Amino acid sequence: MINSKILGLIGLAMKAGKVSFGADSVEENIVKKKVKLVIVSKDSSERTRKKFVDICENYNIPIIIDGDIENLSKAIGKNNKAIIGIKDINFADSIQKKYDGGDVIG
């Protein structure tokens, strides 16, 4: 479950400039090998979730599918963002360690 500690870490990563958000930006940063962890909201479309699971498997990037668009967006101070890419390995590791809602794929 994505909890307030994880949302706080996402917020810190955003302030540090280590977050990309939105499908196009995250995908572009994955291809450039800048993203260390992808977080996709549970209420994003099935097509979006499948697309990012496939991309992350291809590039060997862990992906968490959890949380909702509202809370993920709030954590980064934006509106309507279903996909977040964490570009810093330390933030990515910390988020994965604190995540206990299920499987991190990849």
C-alpha atoms as a PDB file:
ATOM      1  CA  MET A   1       0.000   0.000   0.000  1.00  0.00           C
ATOM      2  CA  ILE A   2       1.319   3.423  -0.861  1.00  0.00           C
ATOM      3  CA  ASN A   3       1.341   5.197   2.488  1.00  0.00           C
ATOM      4  CA  SER A   4       2.125   8.725   3.652  1.00  0.00           C
ATOM      5  CA  LYS A   5       5.832   7.889   4.091  1.00  0.00           C
ATOM      6  CA  ILE A   6       6.079   6.857   0.439  1.00  0.00           C
ATOM      7  CA  LEU A   7       4.088   9.890  -0.705  1.00  0.00           C
ATOM      8  CA  GLY A   8       6.471  12.032   1.384  1.00  0.00           C
ATOM      9  CA  LEU A   9       9.491  10.443  -0.305  1.00  0.00           C
ATOM     10  CA  ILE A  10       7.909  11.074  -3.714  1.00  0.00           C
ATOM     11  CA  GLY A  11       7.392  14.707  -2.682  1.00  0.00           C
ATOM     12  CA  LEU A  12      11.030  15.010  -1.588  1.00  0.00           C
ATOM     13  CA  ALA A  13      12.211  13.470  -4.840  1.00  0.00           C
ATOM     14  CA  MET A  14      10.050  15.999  -6.715  1.00  0.00           C
ATOM     15  CA  LYS A  15      11.576  18.909  -4.781  1.00  0.00           C
ATOM     16  CA  ALA A  16      15.028  17.531  -5.579  1.00  0.00           C
ATOM     17  CA  GLY A  17      14.149  17.452  -9.288  1.00  0.00           C
ATOM     18  CA  LYS A  18      14.385  13.651  -9.441  1.00  0.00           C
ATOM     19  CA  VAL A  19      10.876  12.898 -10.730  1.00  0.00           C
ATOM     20  CA  SER A  20       9.394  12.704 -14.195  1.00  0.00           C
ATOM     21  CA  PHE A  21       5.628  12.504 -14.515  1.00  0.00           C
ATOM     22  CA  GLY A  22       3.055  11.857 -17.178  1.00  0.00           C
ATOM     23  CA  ALA A  23       3.152   8.963 -19.640  1.00  0.00           C
ATOM     24  CA  ASP A  24       5.206  10.617 -22.387  1.00  0.00           C
ATOM     25  CA  SER A  25       7.856  12.083 -20.100  1.00  0.00           C
ATOM     26  CA  VAL A  26       8.261   8.898 -18.047  1.00  0.00           C
ATOM     27  CA  GLU A  27       8.480   6.747 -21.174  1.00  0.00           C
ATOM     28  CA  GLU A  28      11.078   9.082 -22.694  1.00  0.00           C
ATOM     29  CA  ASN A  29      13.170   8.974 -19.503  1.00  0.00           C
ATOM     30  CA  ILE A  30      12.916   5.167 -19.349  1.00  0.00           C
ATOM     31  CA  VAL A  31      14.308   4.927 -22.879  1.00  0.00           C
ATOM     32  CA  LYS A  32      17.138   7.302 -21.875  1.00  0.00           C
ATOM     33  CA  LYS A  33      17.789   4.985 -18.886  1.00  0.00           C
ATOM     34  CA  LYS A  34      17.194   7.795 -16.382  1.00  0.00           C
ATOM     35  CA  VAL A  35      14.269   6.226 -14.492  1.00  0.00           C
ATOM     36  CA  LYS A  36      15.051   3.837 -11.596  1.00  0.00           C
ATOM     37  CA  LEU A  37      11.464   3.130 -10.463  1.00  0.00           C
ATOM     38  CA  VAL A  38       8.038   3.624 -12.041  1.00  0.00           C
ATOM     39  CA  ILE A  39       4.854   4.121 -10.026  1.00  0.00           C
ATOM     40  CA  VAL A  40       1.534   3.724 -11.851  1.00  0.00           C
ATOM     41  CA  SER A  41      -1.762   4.448 -10.116  1.00  0.00           C
ATOM     42  CA  LYS A  42      -4.275   1.631  -9.772  1.00  0.00           C
ATOM     43  CA  ASP A  43      -6.976   3.819 -11.296  1.00  0.00           C
ATOM     44  CA  SER A  44      -5.073   4.490 -14.519  1.00  0.00           C
ATOM     45  CA  SER A  45      -6.405   2.724 -17.613  1.00  0.00           C
ATOM     46  CA  GLU A  46      -5.741  -0.979 -18.182  1.00  0.00           C
ATOM     47  CA  ARG A  47      -3.946  -0.089 -21.412  1.00  0.00           C
ATOM     48  CA  THR A  48      -1.633   2.359 -19.612  1.00  0.00           C
ATOM     49  CA  ARG A  49      -0.795  -0.167 -16.877  1.00  0.00           C
ATOM     50  CA  LYS A  50      -0.035  -2.907 -19.419  1.00  0.00           C
ATOM     51  CA  LYS A  51       2.054  -0.564 -21.546  1.00  0.00           C
ATOM     52  CA  PHE A  52       4.259   0.451 -18.605  1.00  0.00           C
ATOM     53  CA  VAL A  53       4.574  -3.086 -17.244  1.00  0.00           C
ATOM     54  CA  ASP A  54       5.826  -4.137 -20.691  1.00  0.00           C
ATOM     55  CA  ILE A  55       8.216  -1.182 -21.027  1.00  0.00           C
ATOM     56  CA  CYS A  56       9.586  -1.690 -17.515  1.00  0.00           C
ATOM     57  CA  GLU A  57      10.135  -5.401 -18.156  1.00  0.00           C
ATOM     58  CA  ASN A  58      12.007  -4.578 -21.374  1.00  0.00           C
ATOM     59  CA  TYR A  59      14.263  -2.068 -19.611  1.00  0.00           C
ATOM     60  CA  ASN A  60      14.480  -4.056 -16.354  1.00  0.00           C
ATOM     61  CA  ILE A  61      13.010  -1.274 -14.219  1.00  0.00           C
ATOM     62  CA  PRO A  62      10.938  -2.036 -11.122  1.00  0.00           C
ATOM     63  CA  ILE A  63       7.317  -0.899 -11.270  1.00  0.00           C
ATOM     64  CA  ILE A  64       4.752  -0.414  -8.510  1.00  0.00           C
ATOM     65  CA  ILE A  65       1.083  -0.385  -9.466  1.00  0.00           C
ATOM     66  CA  ASP A  66      -0.706   1.109  -6.498  1.00  0.00           C
ATOM     67  CA  GLY A  67      -2.170   4.293  -5.079  1.00  0.00           C
ATOM     68  CA  ASP A  68      -4.603   6.543  -6.860  1.00  0.00           C
ATOM     69  CA  ILE A  69      -4.191   9.420  -9.254  1.00  0.00           C
ATOM     70  CA  GLU A  70      -5.335  11.973  -6.668  1.00  0.00           C
ATOM     71  CA  ASN A  71      -2.756  11.047  -4.001  1.00  0.00           C
ATOM     72  CA  LEU A  72       0.133  10.529  -6.430  1.00  0.00           C
ATOM     73  CA  SER A  73      -0.633  13.871  -8.087  1.00  0.00           C
ATOM     74  CA  LYS A  74      -0.863  15.634  -4.733  1.00  0.00           C
ATOM     75  CA  ALA A  75       2.518  14.201  -3.695  1.00  0.00           C
ATOM     76  CA  ILE A  76       4.219  15.935  -6.627  1.00  0.00           C
ATOM     77  CA  GLY A  77       2.075  19.076  -6.542  1.00  0.00           C
ATOM     78  CA  LYS A  78       0.434  18.412  -9.913  1.00  0.00           C
ATOM     79  CA  ASN A  79      -3.004  17.473 -11.176  1.00  0.00           C
ATOM     80  CA  ASN A  80      -4.145  14.252 -12.809  1.00  0.00           C
ATOM     81  CA  LYS A  81      -0.786  12.426 -12.995  1.00  0.00           C
ATOM     82  CA  ALA A  82      -1.182   8.637 -13.086  1.00  0.00           C
ATOM     83  CA  ILE A  83       2.452   7.796 -13.826  1.00  0.00           C
ATOM     84  CA  ILE A  84       5.540   8.861 -11.933  1.00  0.00           C
ATOM     85  CA  GLY A  85       9.140   7.978 -12.703  1.00  0.00           C
ATOM     86  CA  ILE A  86      11.739   8.239  -9.927  1.00  0.00           C
ATOM     87  CA  LYS A  87      15.108   9.187 -11.433  1.00  0.00           C
ATOM     88  CA  ASP A  88      17.290   8.830  -8.337  1.00  0.00           C
ATOM     89  CA  ILE A  89      18.429   5.361  -7.232  1.00  0.00           C
ATOM     90  CA  ASN A  90      18.446   6.309  -3.535  1.00  0.00           C
ATOM     91  CA  PHE A  91      14.855   7.576  -3.609  1.00  0.00           C
ATOM     92  CA  ALA A  92      13.844   4.529  -5.684  1.00  0.00           C
ATOM     93  CA  ASP A  93      15.456   2.127  -3.182  1.00  0.00           C
ATOM     94  CA  SER A  94      13.879   3.903  -0.194  1.00  0.00           C
ATOM     95  CA  ILE A  95      10.421   3.801  -1.752  1.00  0.00           C
ATOM     96  CA  GLN A  96      10.760   0.097  -2.581  1.00  0.00           C
ATOM     97  CA  LYS A  97      11.899  -0.709   0.976  1.00  0.00           C
ATOM     98  CA  LYS A  98       8.921   1.151   2.484  1.00  0.00           C
ATOM     99  CA  TYR A  99       6.413  -0.314   0.028  1.00  0.00           C
ATOM    100  CA  ASP A 100       4.438  -3.166   1.558  1.00  0.00           C
ATOM    101  CA  GLY A 101       1.281  -3.319  -0.523  1.00  0.00           C
ATOM    102  CA  GLY A 102       2.237  -6.160  -2.743  1.00  0.00           C
ATOM    103  CA  ASP A 103       4.697  -6.989  -5.414  1.00  0.00           C
ATOM    104  CA  VAL A 104       7.175  -4.660  -6.973  1.00  0.00           C
ATOM    105  CA  ILE A 105       7.357  -6.003 -10.521  1.00  0.00           C
ATOM    106  CA  GLY A 106      10.814  -6.172 -12.009  1.00  0.00           C
END
